[in-house]
Each structure stands twice: as structure tokens, then as C-alpha cells.
PDB file of N, CA and C in Angstrom:
ATOM      1  N   MET A   1       0.839  -1.171   0.000  1.00  0.00           N
ATOM      2  CA  MET A   1       0.000   0.000   0.000  1.00  0.00           C
ATOM      3  C   MET A   1       0.894   1.247   0.000  1.00  0.00           C
ATOM      4  N   GLU A   2       0.417   2.271  -0.649  1.00  0.00           N
ATOM      5  CA  GLU A   2       1.182   3.510  -0.760  1.00  0.00           C
ATOM      6  C   GLU A   2       0.443   4.646  -0.051  1.00  0.00           C
ATOM      7  N   ILE A   3       1.201   5.482   0.610  1.00  0.00           N
ATOM      8  CA  ILE A   3       0.643   6.673   1.245  1.00  0.00           C
ATOM      9  C   ILE A   3       1.202   7.879   0.512  1.00  0.00           C
ATOM     10  N   ASN A   4       0.326   8.697   0.015  1.00  0.00           N
ATOM     11  CA  ASN A   4       0.746   9.903  -0.681  1.00  0.00           C
ATOM     12  C   ASN A   4       0.643  11.066   0.300  1.00  0.00           C
ATOM     13  N   ALA A   5       1.788  11.559   0.740  1.00  0.00           N
ATOM     14  CA  ALA A   5       1.813  12.632   1.733  1.00  0.00           C
ATOM     15  C   ALA A   5       1.716  14.018   1.102  1.00  0.00           C
ATOM     16  N   ARG A   6       1.673  14.079  -0.223  1.00  0.00           N
ATOM     17  CA  ARG A   6       1.515  15.378  -0.875  1.00  0.00           C
ATOM     18  C   ARG A   6       0.081  15.844  -0.679  1.00  0.00           C
ATOM     19  N   THR A   7      -0.049  17.028  -0.181  1.00  0.00           N
ATOM     20  CA  THR A   7      -1.376  17.565   0.071  1.00  0.00           C
ATOM     21  C   THR A   7      -1.553  18.858  -0.706  1.00  0.00           C
ATOM     22  N   ILE A   8      -2.755  19.371  -0.696  1.00  0.00           N
ATOM     23  CA  ILE A   8      -3.008  20.616  -1.408  1.00  0.00           C
ATOM     24  C   ILE A   8      -2.242  21.748  -0.737  1.00  0.00           C
ATOM     25  N   ARG A   9      -1.915  22.768  -1.514  1.00  0.00           N
ATOM     26  CA  ARG A   9      -1.030  23.818  -1.007  1.00  0.00           C
ATOM     27  C   ARG A   9      -1.639  24.647   0.113  1.00  0.00           C
ATOM     28  N   SER A  10      -2.956  24.683   0.226  1.00  0.00           N
ATOM     29  CA  SER A  10      -3.542  25.454   1.318  1.00  0.00           C
ATOM     30  C   SER A  10      -3.239  24.825   2.674  1.00  0.00           C
ATOM     31  N   ASN A  11      -2.803  23.568   2.694  1.00  0.00           N
ATOM     32  CA  ASN A  11      -2.390  22.948   3.955  1.00  0.00           C
ATOM     33  C   ASN A  11      -1.131  23.591   4.520  1.00  0.00           C
ATOM     34  N   TRP A  12      -0.401  24.344   3.685  1.00  0.00           N
ATOM     35  CA  TRP A  12       0.802  24.997   4.166  1.00  0.00           C
ATOM     36  C   TRP A  12       0.482  25.963   5.304  1.00  0.00           C
ATOM     37  N   LEU A  13      -0.686  26.592   5.271  1.00  0.00           N
ATOM     38  CA  LEU A  13      -1.067  27.495   6.356  1.00  0.00           C
ATOM     39  C   LEU A  13      -1.132  26.728   7.675  1.00  0.00           C
ATOM     40  N   ALA A  14      -1.788  25.594   7.663  1.00  0.00           N
ATOM     41  CA  ALA A  14      -1.883  24.788   8.882  1.00  0.00           C
ATOM     42  C   ALA A  14      -0.506  24.321   9.338  1.00  0.00           C
ATOM     43  N   ILE A  15       0.319  23.886   8.400  1.00  0.00           N
ATOM     44  CA  ILE A  15       1.665  23.424   8.743  1.00  0.00           C
ATOM     45  C   ILE A  15       2.476  24.565   9.336  1.00  0.00           C
ATOM     46  N   TYR A  16       2.393  25.738   8.721  1.00  0.00           N
ATOM     47  CA  TYR A  16       3.099  26.914   9.230  1.00  0.00           C
ATOM     48  C   TYR A  16       2.645  27.261  10.650  1.00  0.00           C
ATOM     49  N   CYS A  17       1.371  27.026  10.917  1.00  0.00           N
ATOM     50  CA  CYS A  17       0.825  27.337  12.239  1.00  0.00           C
ATOM     51  C   CYS A  17       1.089  26.234  13.259  1.00  0.00           C
ATOM     52  N   GLY A  18       1.658  25.128  12.816  1.00  0.00           N
ATOM     53  CA  GLY A  18       2.027  24.068  13.755  1.00  0.00           C
ATOM     54  C   GLY A  18       1.154  22.832  13.702  1.00  0.00           C
ATOM     55  N   VAL A  19       0.270  22.737  12.732  1.00  0.00           N
ATOM     56  CA  VAL A  19      -0.584  21.560  12.584  1.00  0.00           C
ATOM     57  C   VAL A  19      -0.195  20.888  11.263  1.00  0.00           C
ATOM     58  N   ASN A  20       0.669  19.902  11.347  1.00  0.00           N
ATOM     59  CA  ASN A  20       1.230  19.253  10.174  1.00  0.00           C
ATOM     60  C   ASN A  20       0.352  18.059   9.783  1.00  0.00           C
ATOM     61  N   PHE A  21      -0.627  18.308   8.913  1.00  0.00           N
ATOM     62  CA  PHE A  21      -1.566  17.258   8.524  1.00  0.00           C
ATOM     63  C   PHE A  21      -0.894  16.031   7.907  1.00  0.00           C
ATOM     64  N   PRO A  22       0.077  16.186   7.008  1.00  0.00           N
ATOM     65  CA  PRO A  22       0.724  14.969   6.491  1.00  0.00           C
ATOM     66  C   PRO A  22       1.370  14.130   7.599  1.00  0.00           C
ATOM     67  N   TRP A  23       2.017  14.788   8.554  1.00  0.00           N
ATOM     68  CA  TRP A  23       2.634  14.053   9.664  1.00  0.00           C
ATOM     69  C   TRP A  23       1.566  13.393  10.537  1.00  0.00           C
ATOM     70  N   ILE A  24       0.488  14.091  10.794  1.00  0.00           N
ATOM     71  CA  ILE A  24      -0.599  13.528  11.616  1.00  0.00           C
ATOM     72  C   ILE A  24      -1.187  12.297  10.931  1.00  0.00           C
ATOM     73  N   ILE A  25      -1.425  12.393   9.632  1.00  0.00           N
ATOM     74  CA  ILE A  25      -1.969  11.243   8.889  1.00  0.00           C
ATOM     75  C   ILE A  25      -1.009  10.063   8.966  1.00  0.00           C
ATOM     76  N   TYR A  26       0.274  10.341   8.777  1.00  0.00           N
ATOM     77  CA  TYR A  26       1.294   9.292   8.867  1.00  0.00           C
ATOM     78  C   TYR A  26       1.304   8.674  10.269  1.00  0.00           C
ATOM     79  N   TRP A  27       1.309   9.529  11.283  1.00  0.00           N
ATOM     80  CA  TRP A  27       1.345   9.066  12.671  1.00  0.00           C
ATOM     81  C   TRP A  27       0.137   8.177  12.986  1.00  0.00           C
ATOM     82  N   VAL A  28      -1.044   8.630  12.629  1.00  0.00           N
ATOM     83  CA  VAL A  28      -2.259   7.875  12.921  1.00  0.00           C
ATOM     84  C   VAL A  28      -2.251   6.546  12.166  1.00  0.00           C
ATOM     85  N   TRP A  29      -1.827   6.578  10.903  1.00  0.00           N
ATOM     86  CA  TRP A  29      -1.812   5.360  10.104  1.00  0.00           C
ATOM     87  C   TRP A  29      -0.769   4.375  10.607  1.00  0.00           C
ATOM     88  N   LEU A  30       0.423   4.865  10.926  1.00  0.00           N
ATOM     89  CA  LEU A  30       1.514   4.003  11.347  1.00  0.00           C
ATOM     90  C   LEU A  30       1.314   3.479  12.769  1.00  0.00           C
ATOM     91  N   LYS A  31       0.974   4.348  13.678  1.00  0.00           N
ATOM     92  CA  LYS A  31       0.877   3.989  15.091  1.00  0.00           C
ATOM     93  C   LYS A  31      -0.502   3.491  15.488  1.00  0.00           C
ATOM     94  N   LYS A  32      -1.469   3.672  14.590  1.00  0.00           N
ATOM     95  CA  LYS A  32      -2.865   3.311  14.912  1.00  0.00           C
ATOM     96  C   LYS A  32      -3.282   3.977  16.215  1.00  0.00           C
ATOM     97  N   ASN A  33      -2.898   5.237  16.321  1.00  0.00           N
ATOM     98  CA  ASN A  33      -3.065   5.976  17.555  1.00  0.00           C
ATOM     99  C   ASN A  33      -3.565   7.382  17.231  1.00  0.00           C
ATOM    100  N   LYS A  34      -4.314   7.967  18.119  1.00  0.00           N
ATOM    101  CA  LYS A  34      -4.751   9.344  17.915  1.00  0.00           C
ATOM    102  C   LYS A  34      -3.585  10.302  18.126  1.00  0.00           C
ATOM    103  N   TYR A  35      -3.657  11.414  17.423  1.00  0.00           N
ATOM    104  CA  TYR A  35      -2.653  12.461  17.557  1.00  0.00           C
ATOM    105  C   TYR A  35      -3.391  13.738  17.920  1.00  0.00           C
ATOM    106  N   GLU A  36      -3.059  14.291  19.042  1.00  0.00           N
ATOM    107  CA  GLU A  36      -3.772  15.466  19.530  1.00  0.00           C
ATOM    108  C   GLU A  36      -2.935  16.731  19.314  1.00  0.00           C
ATOM    109  N   VAL A  37      -3.557  17.717  18.681  1.00  0.00           N
ATOM    110  CA  VAL A  37      -2.922  19.022  18.511  1.00  0.00           C
ATOM    111  C   VAL A  37      -3.362  19.874  19.695  1.00  0.00           C
ATOM    112  N   ARG A  38      -2.386  20.291  20.501  1.00  0.00           N
ATOM    113  CA  ARG A  38      -2.709  21.038  21.707  1.00  0.00           C
ATOM    114  C   ARG A  38      -2.574  22.547  21.532  1.00  0.00           C
ATOM    115  N   ASP A  39      -1.695  22.966  20.653  1.00  0.00           N
ATOM    116  CA  ASP A  39      -1.496  24.398  20.463  1.00  0.00           C
ATOM    117  C   ASP A  39      -1.056  24.653  19.025  1.00  0.00           C
ATOM    118  N   TYR A  40      -1.346  25.828  18.560  1.00  0.00           N
ATOM    119  CA  TYR A  40      -0.948  26.217  17.221  1.00  0.00           C
ATOM    120  C   TYR A  40      -0.867  27.739  17.146  1.00  0.00           C
ATOM    121  N   ARG A  41      -0.145  28.226  16.176  1.00  0.00           N
ATOM    122  CA  ARG A  41       0.015  29.669  15.962  1.00  0.00           C
ATOM    123  C   ARG A  41      -1.299  30.235  15.417  1.00  0.00           C
ATOM    124  N   LYS A  42      -1.711  31.375  15.964  1.00  0.00           N
ATOM    125  CA  LYS A  42      -2.977  32.008  15.568  1.00  0.00           C
ATOM    126  C   LYS A  42      -2.707  33.354  14.903  1.00  0.00           C
ATOM    127  N   ASP A  43      -3.720  33.881  14.230  1.00  0.00           N
ATOM    128  CA  ASP A  43      -3.653  35.200  13.583  1.00  0.00           C
ATOM    129  C   ASP A  43      -2.535  35.282  12.554  1.00  0.00           C
ATOM    130  N   VAL A  44      -2.483  34.289  11.685  1.00  0.00           N
ATOM    131  CA  VAL A  44      -1.493  34.250  10.617  1.00  0.00           C
ATOM    132  C   VAL A  44      -2.212  34.522   9.296  1.00  0.00           C
ATOM    133  N   TYR A  45      -1.614  35.342   8.469  1.00  0.00           N
ATOM    134  CA  TYR A  45      -2.176  35.630   7.160  1.00  0.00           C
ATOM    135  C   TYR A  45      -1.695  34.614   6.138  1.00  0.00           C
ATOM    136  N   TRP A  46      -2.615  34.178   5.291  1.00  0.00           N
ATOM    137  CA  TRP A  46      -2.324  33.298   4.165  1.00  0.00           C
ATOM    138  C   TRP A  46      -2.373  34.170   2.918  1.00  0.00           C
ATOM    139  N   ILE A  47      -1.283  34.218   2.179  1.00  0.00           N
ATOM    140  CA  ILE A  47      -1.210  35.087   1.012  1.00  0.00           C
ATOM    141  C   ILE A  47      -1.085  34.236  -0.246  1.00  0.00           C
ATOM    142  N   ASP A  48      -2.069  34.377  -1.108  1.00  0.00           N
ATOM    143  CA  ASP A  48      -2.069  33.715  -2.410  1.00  0.00           C
ATOM    144  C   ASP A  48      -2.055  34.818  -3.457  1.00  0.00           C
ATOM    145  N   LEU A  49      -0.891  35.098  -3.989  1.00  0.00           N
ATOM    146  CA  LEU A  49      -0.694  36.232  -4.878  1.00  0.00           C
ATOM    147  C   LEU A  49      -1.654  36.221  -6.070  1.00  0.00           C
ATOM    148  N   ASN A  50      -1.834  35.074  -6.683  1.00  0.00           N
ATOM    149  CA  ASN A  50      -2.723  34.971  -7.839  1.00  0.00           C
ATOM    150  C   ASN A  50      -4.147  35.370  -7.468  1.00  0.00           C
ATOM    151  N   ALA A  51      -4.680  34.809  -6.416  1.00  0.00           N
ATOM    152  CA  ALA A  51      -6.045  35.139  -5.983  1.00  0.00           C
ATOM    153  C   ALA A  51      -6.136  36.585  -5.515  1.00  0.00           C
ATOM    154  N   ASP A  52      -5.105  37.065  -4.840  1.00  0.00           N
ATOM    155  CA  ASP A  52      -5.120  38.448  -4.352  1.00  0.00           C
ATOM    156  C   ASP A  52      -5.178  39.449  -5.501  1.00  0.00           C
ATOM    157  N   ILE A  53      -4.375  39.218  -6.520  1.00  0.00           N
ATOM    158  CA  ILE A  53      -4.385  40.131  -7.669  1.00  0.00           C
ATOM    159  C   ILE A  53      -5.754  40.110  -8.337  1.00  0.00           C
ATOM    160  N   PHE A  54      -6.268  38.916  -8.586  1.00  0.00           N
ATOM    161  CA  PHE A  54      -7.565  38.778  -9.238  1.00  0.00           C
ATOM    162  C   PHE A  54      -8.666  39.474  -8.435  1.00  0.00           C
ATOM    163  N   ASN A  55      -8.726  39.181  -7.145  1.00  0.00           N
ATOM    164  CA  ASN A  55      -9.787  39.755  -6.308  1.00  0.00           C
ATOM    165  C   ASN A  55      -9.652  41.260  -6.144  1.00  0.00           C
ATOM    166  N   SER A  56      -8.433  41.753  -6.025  1.00  0.00           N
ATOM    167  CA  SER A  56      -8.271  43.196  -5.847  1.00  0.00           C
ATOM    168  C   SER A  56      -8.651  43.964  -7.104  1.00  0.00           C
ATOM    169  N   ILE A  57      -8.503  43.356  -8.263  1.00  0.00           N
ATOM    170  CA  ILE A  57      -8.865  44.035  -9.508  1.00  0.00           C
ATOM    171  C   ILE A  57     -10.350  43.878  -9.818  1.00  0.00           C
ATOM    172  N   PHE A  58     -10.856  42.660  -9.762  1.00  0.00           N
ATOM    173  CA  PHE A  58     -12.194  42.385 -10.275  1.00  0.00           C
ATOM    174  C   PHE A  58     -13.291  42.314  -9.228  1.00  0.00           C
ATOM    175  N   ARG A  59     -12.945  42.220  -7.963  1.00  0.00           N
ATOM    176  CA  ARG A  59     -13.980  42.149  -6.927  1.00  0.00           C
ATOM    177  C   ARG A  59     -13.868  43.286  -5.923  1.00  0.00           C
ATOM    178  N   HIS A  60     -13.079  44.263  -6.255  1.00  0.00           N
ATOM    179  CA  HIS A  60     -12.855  45.381  -5.343  1.00  0.00           C
ATOM    180  C   HIS A  60     -14.170  46.047  -4.929  1.00  0.00           C
ATOM    181  N   ASN A  61     -15.059  46.288  -5.853  1.00  0.00           N
ATOM    182  CA  ASN A  61     -16.331  46.948  -5.540  1.00  0.00           C
ATOM    183  C   ASN A  61     -17.241  46.079  -4.688  1.00  0.00           C
ATOM    184  N   GLN A  62     -17.187  44.783  -4.854  1.00  0.00           N
ATOM    185  CA  GLN A  62     -18.019  43.871  -4.072  1.00  0.00           C
ATOM    186  C   GLN A  62     -17.514  43.725  -2.644  1.00  0.00           C
ATOM    187  N   GLU A  63     -16.201  43.796  -2.461  1.00  0.00           N
ATOM    188  CA  GLU A  63     -15.614  43.544  -1.144  1.00  0.00           C
ATOM    189  C   GLU A  63     -15.685  44.748  -0.213  1.00  0.00           C
ATOM    190  N   LYS A  64     -15.738  45.935  -0.761  1.00  0.00           N
ATOM    191  CA  LYS A  64     -15.785  47.160   0.047  1.00  0.00           C
ATOM    192  C   LYS A  64     -14.581  47.266   0.981  1.00  0.00           C
ATOM    193  N   LEU A  65     -13.413  46.924   0.466  1.00  0.00           N
ATOM    194  CA  LEU A  65     -12.179  47.017   1.244  1.00  0.00           C
ATOM    195  C   LEU A  65     -11.365  48.205   0.757  1.00  0.00           C
ATOM    196  N   GLY A  66     -10.661  48.818   1.677  1.00  0.00           N
ATOM    197  CA  GLY A  66      -9.780  49.910   1.325  1.00  0.00           C
ATOM    198  C   GLY A  66      -8.394  49.405   0.975  1.00  0.00           C
ATOM    199  N   PHE A  67      -7.564  50.301   0.502  1.00  0.00           N
ATOM    200  CA  PHE A  67      -6.203  49.952   0.119  1.00  0.00           C
ATOM    201  C   PHE A  67      -5.432  49.344   1.288  1.00  0.00           C
ATOM    202  N   ARG A  68      -5.627  49.905   2.478  1.00  0.00           N
ATOM    203  CA  ARG A  68      -4.938  49.379   3.673  1.00  0.00           C
ATOM    204  C   ARG A  68      -5.302  47.922   3.945  1.00  0.00           C
ATOM    205  N   ASP A  69      -6.569  47.590   3.718  1.00  0.00           N
ATOM    206  CA  ASP A  69      -7.017  46.215   3.939  1.00  0.00           C
ATOM    207  C   ASP A  69      -6.300  45.233   2.999  1.00  0.00           C
ATOM    208  N   TYR A  70      -6.059  45.671   1.768  1.00  0.00           N
ATOM    209  CA  TYR A  70      -5.354  44.818   0.814  1.00  0.00           C
ATOM    210  C   TYR A  70      -3.878  44.671   1.156  1.00  0.00           C
ATOM    211  N   VAL A  71      -3.278  45.719   1.664  1.00  0.00           N
ATOM    212  CA  VAL A  71      -1.839  45.731   1.920  1.00  0.00           C
ATOM    213  C   VAL A  71      -1.486  45.128   3.278  1.00  0.00           C
ATOM    214  N   LYS A  72      -2.393  45.184   4.213  1.00  0.00           N
ATOM    215  CA  LYS A  72      -2.129  44.749   5.596  1.00  0.00           C
ATOM    216  C   LYS A  72      -1.492  43.356   5.703  1.00  0.00           C
ATOM    217  N   PRO A  73      -2.012  42.329   5.026  1.00  0.00           N
ATOM    218  CA  PRO A  73      -1.373  41.010   5.151  1.00  0.00           C
ATOM    219  C   PRO A  73       0.074  40.983   4.666  1.00  0.00           C
ATOM    220  N   TYR A  74       0.366  41.754   3.631  1.00  0.00           N
ATOM    221  CA  TYR A  74       1.721  41.755   3.080  1.00  0.00           C
ATOM    222  C   TYR A  74       2.718  42.421   4.022  1.00  0.00           C
ATOM    223  N   LEU A  75       2.242  43.331   4.836  1.00  0.00           N
ATOM    224  CA  LEU A  75       3.114  44.036   5.775  1.00  0.00           C
ATOM    225  C   LEU A  75       3.146  43.383   7.154  1.00  0.00           C
ATOM    226  N   ALA A  76       2.253  42.436   7.375  1.00  0.00           N
ATOM    227  CA  ALA A  76       2.165  41.775   8.681  1.00  0.00           C
ATOM    228  C   ALA A  76       3.419  40.959   8.969  1.00  0.00           C
ATOM    229  N   LYS A  77       3.725  40.851  10.245  1.00  0.00           N
ATOM    230  CA  LYS A  77       4.892  40.075  10.676  1.00  0.00           C
ATOM    231  C   LYS A  77       4.663  38.577  10.470  1.00  0.00           C
ATOM    232  N   ASP A  78       3.483  38.112  10.843  1.00  0.00           N
ATOM    233  CA  ASP A  78       3.194  36.683  10.795  1.00  0.00           C
ATOM    234  C   ASP A  78       2.339  36.369   9.570  1.00  0.00           C
ATOM    235  N   LYS A  79       2.990  35.867   8.520  1.00  0.00           N
ATOM    236  CA  LYS A  79       2.300  35.539   7.278  1.00  0.00           C
ATOM    237  C   LYS A  79       3.012  34.373   6.620  1.00  0.00           C
ATOM    238  N   THR A  80       2.293  33.710   5.740  1.00  0.00           N
ATOM    239  CA  THR A  80       2.883  32.665   4.927  1.00  0.00           C
ATOM    240  C   THR A  80       2.285  32.764   3.532  1.00  0.00           C
ATOM    241  N   PHE A  81       3.087  32.434   2.551  1.00  0.00           N
ATOM    242  CA  PHE A  81       2.661  32.537   1.164  1.00  0.00           C
ATOM    243  C   PHE A  81       2.251  31.170   0.627  1.00  0.00           C
ATOM    244  N   SER A  82       1.301  31.166  -0.282  1.00  0.00           N
ATOM    245  CA  SER A  82       0.836  29.902  -0.849  1.00  0.00           C
ATOM    246  C   SER A  82       1.917  29.232  -1.685  1.00  0.00           C
ATOM    247  N   VAL A  83       2.761  30.014  -2.323  1.00  0.00           N
ATOM    248  CA  VAL A  83       3.777  29.442  -3.205  1.00  0.00           C
ATOM    249  C   VAL A  83       5.181  29.929  -2.863  1.00  0.00           C
ATOM    250  N   LEU A  84       5.328  31.151  -2.434  1.00  0.00           N
ATOM    251  CA  LEU A  84       6.646  31.739  -2.207  1.00  0.00           C
ATOM    252  C   LEU A  84       7.348  31.128  -0.991  1.00  0.00           C
ATOM    253  N   SER A  85       8.578  30.688  -1.214  1.00  0.00           N
ATOM    254  CA  SER A  85       9.402  30.139  -0.134  1.00  0.00           C
ATOM    255  C   SER A  85      10.847  30.521  -0.387  1.00  0.00           C
ATOM    256  N   LYS A  86      11.527  30.957   0.652  1.00  0.00           N
ATOM    257  CA  LYS A  86      12.943  31.299   0.483  1.00  0.00           C
ATOM    258  C   LYS A  86      13.794  30.053   0.233  1.00  0.00           C
ATOM    259  N   HIS A  87      13.266  28.884   0.533  1.00  0.00           N
ATOM    260  CA  HIS A  87      14.001  27.638   0.331  1.00  0.00           C
ATOM    261  C   HIS A  87      13.850  27.096  -1.093  1.00  0.00           C
ATOM    262  N   ASP A  88      12.778  27.496  -1.766  1.00  0.00           N
ATOM    263  CA  ASP A  88      12.545  27.026  -3.136  1.00  0.00           C
ATOM    264  C   ASP A  88      11.759  28.093  -3.882  1.00  0.00           C
ATOM    265  N   ILE A  89      12.441  28.926  -4.626  1.00  0.00           N
ATOM    266  CA  ILE A  89      11.840  30.071  -5.301  1.00  0.00           C
ATOM    267  C   ILE A  89      11.187  29.691  -6.634  1.00  0.00           C
ATOM    268  N   MET A  90      11.536  28.536  -7.203  1.00  0.00           N
ATOM    269  CA  MET A  90      11.053  28.170  -8.528  1.00  0.00           C
ATOM    270  C   MET A  90       9.532  28.079  -8.654  1.00  0.00           C
ATOM    271  N   PRO A  91       8.801  27.489  -7.726  1.00  0.00           N
ATOM    272  CA  PRO A  91       7.342  27.469  -7.880  1.00  0.00           C
ATOM    273  C   PRO A  91       6.741  28.878  -7.951  1.00  0.00           C
ATOM    274  N   PHE A  92       7.289  29.796  -7.178  1.00  0.00           N
ATOM    275  CA  PHE A  92       6.807  31.176  -7.216  1.00  0.00           C
ATOM    276  C   PHE A  92       7.090  31.810  -8.576  1.00  0.00           C
ATOM    277  N   LEU A  93       8.299  31.610  -9.093  1.00  0.00           N
ATOM    278  CA  LEU A  93       8.637  32.167 -10.401  1.00  0.00           C
ATOM    279  C   LEU A  93       7.755  31.579 -11.499  1.00  0.00           C
ATOM    280  N   LYS A  94       7.453  30.285 -11.388  1.00  0.00           N
ATOM    281  CA  LYS A  94       6.561  29.653 -12.367  1.00  0.00           C
ATOM    282  C   LYS A  94       5.158  30.238 -12.264  1.00  0.00           C
ATOM    283  N   GLU A  95       4.679  30.457 -11.055  1.00  0.00           N
ATOM    284  CA  GLU A  95       3.337  31.024 -10.897  1.00  0.00           C
ATOM    285  C   GLU A  95       3.264  32.429 -11.488  1.00  0.00           C
ATOM    286  N   ILE A  96       4.269  33.232 -11.244  1.00  0.00           N
ATOM    287  CA  ILE A  96       4.301  34.591 -11.796  1.00  0.00           C
ATOM    288  C   ILE A  96       4.360  34.538 -13.320  1.00  0.00           C
ATOM    289  N   ALA A  97       5.176  33.635 -13.863  1.00  0.00           N
ATOM    290  CA  ALA A  97       5.325  33.527 -15.318  1.00  0.00           C
ATOM    291  C   ALA A  97       4.043  33.059 -15.990  1.00  0.00           C
ATOM    292  N   THR A  98       3.296  32.185 -15.340  1.00  0.00           N
ATOM    293  CA  THR A  98       2.077  31.645 -15.954  1.00  0.00           C
ATOM    294  C   THR A  98       0.830  32.436 -15.594  1.00  0.00           C
ATOM    295  N   LEU A  99       0.956  33.429 -14.761  1.00  0.00           N
ATOM    296  CA  LEU A  99      -0.202  34.230 -14.343  1.00  0.00           C
ATOM    297  C   LEU A  99      -0.954  34.829 -15.527  1.00  0.00           C
ATOM    298  N   PRO A 100      -0.292  35.477 -16.461  1.00  0.00           N
ATOM    299  CA  PRO A 100      -1.045  36.031 -17.597  1.00  0.00           C
ATOM    300  C   PRO A 100      -1.785  34.968 -18.414  1.00  0.00           C
ATOM    301  N   ILE A 101      -1.184  33.809 -18.567  1.00  0.00           N
ATOM    302  CA  ILE A 101      -1.816  32.725 -19.325  1.00  0.00           C
ATOM    303  C   ILE A 101      -3.075  32.247 -18.609  1.00  0.00           C
ATOM    304  N   ARG A 102      -2.968  32.056 -17.293  1.00  0.00           N
ATOM    305  CA  ARG A 102      -4.131  31.587 -16.531  1.00  0.00           C
ATOM    306  C   ARG A 102      -5.253  32.617 -16.533  1.00  0.00           C
ATOM    307  N   GLN A 103      -4.891  33.899 -16.431  1.00  0.00           N
ATOM    308  CA  GLN A 103      -5.913  34.948 -16.463  1.00  0.00           C
ATOM    309  C   GLN A 103      -6.579  34.993 -17.835  1.00  0.00           C
ATOM    310  N   TYR A 104      -5.796  34.836 -18.898  1.00  0.00           N
ATOM    311  CA  TYR A 104      -6.344  34.816 -20.256  1.00  0.00           C
ATOM    312  C   TYR A 104      -7.338  33.660 -20.409  1.00  0.00           C
ATOM    313  N   ARG A 105      -6.963  32.481 -19.966  1.00  0.00           N
ATOM    314  CA  ARG A 105      -7.854  31.320 -20.065  1.00  0.00           C
ATOM    315  C   ARG A 105      -9.136  31.530 -19.266  1.00  0.00           C
ATOM    316  N   PHE A 106      -9.006  32.143 -18.111  1.00  0.00           N
ATOM    317  CA  PHE A 106     -10.175  32.405 -17.280  1.00  0.00           C
ATOM    318  C   PHE A 106     -11.152  33.322 -18.011  1.00  0.00           C
ATOM    319  N   PHE A 107     -10.661  34.423 -18.537  1.00  0.00           N
ATOM    320  CA  PHE A 107     -11.530  35.372 -19.225  1.00  0.00           C
ATOM    321  C   PHE A 107     -12.070  34.805 -20.535  1.00  0.00           C
ATOM    322  N   LYS A 108     -11.288  33.980 -21.179  1.00  0.00           N
ATOM    323  CA  LYS A 108     -11.749  33.326 -22.396  1.00  0.00           C
ATOM    324  C   LYS A 108     -12.929  32.410 -22.083  1.00  0.00           C
ATOM    325  N   SER A 109     -12.846  31.670 -20.985  1.00  0.00           N
ATOM    326  CA  SER A 109     -13.949  30.775 -20.605  1.00  0.00           C
ATOM    327  C   SER A 109     -15.199  31.574 -20.237  1.00  0.00           C
ATOM    328  N   ILE A 110     -15.035  32.718 -19.594  1.00  0.00           N
ATOM    329  CA  ILE A 110     -16.188  33.566 -19.275  1.00  0.00           C
ATOM    330  C   ILE A 110     -16.825  34.080 -20.556  1.00  0.00           C
ATOM    331  N   TYR A 111     -15.996  34.522 -21.475  1.00  0.00           N
ATOM    332  CA  TYR A 111     -16.497  35.033 -22.751  1.00  0.00           C
ATOM    333  C   TYR A 111     -17.275  33.941 -23.489  1.00  0.00           C
ATOM    334  N   ARG A 112     -16.737  32.726 -23.525  1.00  0.00           N
ATOM    335  CA  ARG A 112     -17.437  31.609 -24.183  1.00  0.00           C
ATOM    336  C   ARG A 112     -18.770  31.342 -23.525  1.00  0.00           C
ATOM    337  N   HIS A 113     -18.773  31.351 -22.205  1.00  0.00           N
ATOM    338  CA  HIS A 113     -20.016  31.094 -21.471  1.00  0.00           C
ATOM    339  C   HIS A 113     -21.058  32.169 -21.785  1.00  0.00           C
ATOM    340  N   GLN A 114     -20.647  33.429 -21.806  1.00  0.00           N
ATOM    341  CA  GLN A 114     -21.576  34.510 -22.113  1.00  0.00           C
ATOM    342  C   GLN A 114     -22.075  34.416 -23.537  1.00  0.00           C
ATOM    343  N   SER A 115     -21.214  34.020 -24.460  1.00  0.00           N
ATOM    344  CA  SER A 115     -21.634  33.859 -25.861  1.00  0.00           C
ATOM    345  C   SER A 115     -22.665  32.768 -25.998  1.00  0.00           C
ATOM    346  N   ARG A 116     -22.486  31.683 -25.274  1.00  0.00           N
ATOM    347  CA  ARG A 116     -23.455  30.578 -25.303  1.00  0.00           C
ATOM    348  C   ARG A 116     -24.807  31.006 -24.718  1.00  0.00           C
ATOM    349  N   MET A 117     -24.742  31.813 -23.668  1.00  0.00           N
ATOM    350  CA  MET A 117     -25.980  32.283 -23.039  1.00  0.00           C
ATOM    351  C   MET A 117     -26.764  33.196 -23.978  1.00  0.00           C
ATOM    352  N   LYS A 118     -26.091  33.971 -24.795  1.00  0.00           N
ATOM    353  CA  LYS A 118     -26.762  34.848 -25.758  1.00  0.00           C
ATOM    354  C   LYS A 118     -27.440  34.050 -26.846  1.00  0.00           C
ATOM    355  N   ASP A 119     -26.844  32.908 -27.205  1.00  0.00           N
ATOM    356  CA  ASP A 119     -27.404  32.066 -28.271  1.00  0.00           C
ATOM    357  C   ASP A 119     -28.660  31.336 -27.844  1.00  0.00           C
ATOM    358  N   CYS A 120     -28.862  31.202 -26.534  1.00  0.00           N
ATOM    359  CA  CYS A 120     -30.011  30.440 -26.043  1.00  0.00           C
ATOM    360  C   CYS A 120     -31.308  31.180 -26.193  1.00  0.00           C
TER     361      CYS A 120
END
């Protein structure tokens, strides 16, 4: 049997805060024992640059947030990034490089959907 310890990237927030889900899963599976999390870091910002850029541009009016609200997590002492890591910069560089392509595909799919709705 194989155990895949790779988890979705949003688990990095929990790991950064002290709750290591891959380790807990391994521990429970291997030891057949419960693993109790007693303490963890609180009030940590999770920063996903791709989502932040998209939301700040296209959902700004819906969110009713000011400029300070958008900048606050980036200036906070306790934060973690969804992709950026000083130990491995390549995933971040890839995300930045592919950002325009992903945004183009997103808007293209919206345009197609709207075109189909007009035809109905």
C-alpha cells in the first residue's frame, strides 16, 4: 500500500501554524493511535498572490475594502505565502510567469459562457 503525503497547497497554512496534517496522517496510520494538537500559531495571514491580484482588480467593488485592507497582510509580521518560499523560489517564479496565461484562459472561458448564453 502507498501513502501519498503530498497535500493541497492550502495545507501549508496549517503546517506553518504548527498543525502538520501529512505528519498527523502518517502518525495515525503508522501507530494506529490518535494524535492530539494542543497548540498552534494564531492570527497568521495566508497570502495567495494569484487570488489576491484577481480579487483586488475584479472584486474590489463587491468587497468594500480599502487599500490598507489589501496591503495589511503583506506588511504583517506573521504571514505565509501559498507558493513563495525562500528555500525554493522556482514554484513562485513559475506562478508569476504563468499568471497572464491563466488569467487569459479564465476570461476566455467567461467570454465563451456569455456567448453561449446569448445564443439560447
